[in-house]
Amino acid sequence: MKKLYLDGNRIVIMLGALIGIPVSKFLIDILFPSFIANVACSMHLEFTWYMYLYIFGSIMILYEIINFILMRKLGRISENEILKNRE
C-alpha cells in the first residue's frame, strides 16, 4: 500500500530542498534590501554552512512525520477498497 501512494516522494523532496534552499536564499538576498529601503536598520543576512544543514534536516524530519501520519491513515483503509476505487 505504501508503494502505491507514498514511495518515490522522498527523492523529490530531497532534490527540491537541495535546490530550493540555496536558490531561495539567493533570491531573498537580492530582494530583501529593496523591501526595507526606507527603514533605517541593518540585519545580518548571512547563513553559515550548518544553517543550510539545519534547514535541510528540518525539511526531511517534517517529511518523515507527515509520511508517518499518512501511513497510519492509509493503514486503516483496506487494500481491496483502494484497488476498487482506483481508476
Protein backbone atom coordinates (compact mmCIF):
# COMPACT_ATOMS: atom_id res chain seq x y z
CA MET A 1 0.00 0.00 0.00
CA LYS A 2 2.88 2.35 0.74
CA LYS A 3 4.34 1.78 -2.72
CA LEU A 4 1.03 2.65 -4.31
CA TYR A 5 0.80 6.11 -2.75
CA LEU A 6 3.93 7.31 -0.94
CA ASP A 7 7.08 5.76 -2.40
CA GLY A 8 9.27 7.92 -4.59
CA ASN A 9 8.43 11.21 -2.90
CA ARG A 10 11.48 11.20 -0.61
CA ILE A 11 13.89 11.73 -3.53
CA VAL A 12 11.75 14.54 -4.93
CA ILE A 13 11.62 16.24 -1.53
CA MET A 14 15.38 15.87 -1.07
CA LEU A 15 16.20 17.26 -4.51
CA GLY A 16 13.69 20.07 -4.11
CA ALA A 17 15.19 21.05 -0.77
CA LEU A 18 18.78 20.79 -2.00
CA ILE A 19 17.99 23.03 -4.96
CA GLY A 20 15.34 25.22 -3.36
CA ILE A 21 17.14 26.28 -0.18
CA PRO A 22 20.15 27.93 -1.87
CA VAL A 23 18.00 29.42 -4.64
CA SER A 24 15.57 30.86 -2.09
CA LYS A 25 18.44 32.31 -0.05
CA PHE A 26 19.93 33.88 -3.18
CA LEU A 27 16.60 35.45 -4.17
CA ILE A 28 15.96 36.78 -0.67
CA ASP A 29 19.47 38.31 -0.62
CA ILE A 30 18.60 40.14 -3.83
CA LEU A 31 15.02 41.17 -2.97
CA PHE A 32 15.12 41.88 0.77
CA PRO A 33 17.14 45.13 0.63
CA SER A 34 14.56 46.65 -1.72
CA PHE A 35 11.77 45.69 0.69
CA ILE A 36 13.33 47.64 3.54
CA ALA A 37 14.85 50.53 1.57
CA ASN A 38 13.03 53.13 3.70
CA VAL A 39 13.83 51.50 7.06
CA ALA A 40 16.89 52.66 8.96
CA CYS A 41 18.14 49.34 10.32
CA SER A 42 20.59 46.64 9.44
CA MET A 43 20.25 42.91 9.50
CA HIS A 44 22.72 40.08 9.34
CA LEU A 45 21.59 38.07 6.30
CA GLU A 46 24.39 35.53 6.04
CA PHE A 47 23.89 31.82 6.64
CA THR A 48 26.65 29.62 7.94
CA TRP A 49 27.10 26.22 6.35
CA TYR A 50 25.40 24.44 9.24
CA MET A 51 22.26 26.59 8.85
CA TYR A 52 21.74 25.01 5.44
CA LEU A 53 22.10 21.56 7.04
CA TYR A 54 19.67 22.54 9.81
CA ILE A 55 17.05 23.72 7.30
CA PHE A 56 17.52 20.61 5.15
CA GLY A 57 17.30 18.36 8.21
CA SER A 58 14.14 20.13 9.38
CA ILE A 59 12.51 19.62 6.00
CA MET A 60 13.38 15.91 5.99
CA ILE A 61 12.20 15.40 9.60
CA LEU A 62 8.90 17.11 8.81
CA TYR A 63 8.56 14.96 5.69
CA GLU A 64 9.05 11.80 7.76
CA ILE A 65 6.49 12.94 10.37
CA ILE A 66 3.93 13.69 7.65
CA ASN A 67 4.71 10.37 5.94
CA PHE A 68 4.19 8.53 9.26
CA ILE A 69 0.81 10.23 9.79
CA LEU A 70 -0.27 9.38 6.24
CA MET A 71 0.81 5.76 6.65
CA ARG A 72 -1.29 5.45 9.81
CA LYS A 73 -4.26 6.85 7.93
CA LEU A 74 -3.66 4.54 4.96
CA GLY A 75 -3.35 1.57 7.32
CA ARG A 76 -7.00 1.99 8.28
CA ILE A 77 -8.17 1.54 4.68
CA SER A 78 -8.42 -1.96 3.24
CA GLU A 79 -6.39 -2.82 0.15
CA ASN A 80 -9.50 -4.07 -1.65
CA GLU A 81 -11.19 -0.71 -1.22
CA ILE A 82 -8.12 1.13 -2.51
CA LEU A 83 -7.84 -1.01 -5.62
CA LYS A 84 -11.59 -0.88 -6.20
CA ASN A 85 -11.72 2.94 -6.08
CA ARG A 86 -8.54 3.47 -8.12
CA GLU A 87 -9.25 4.45 -11.69
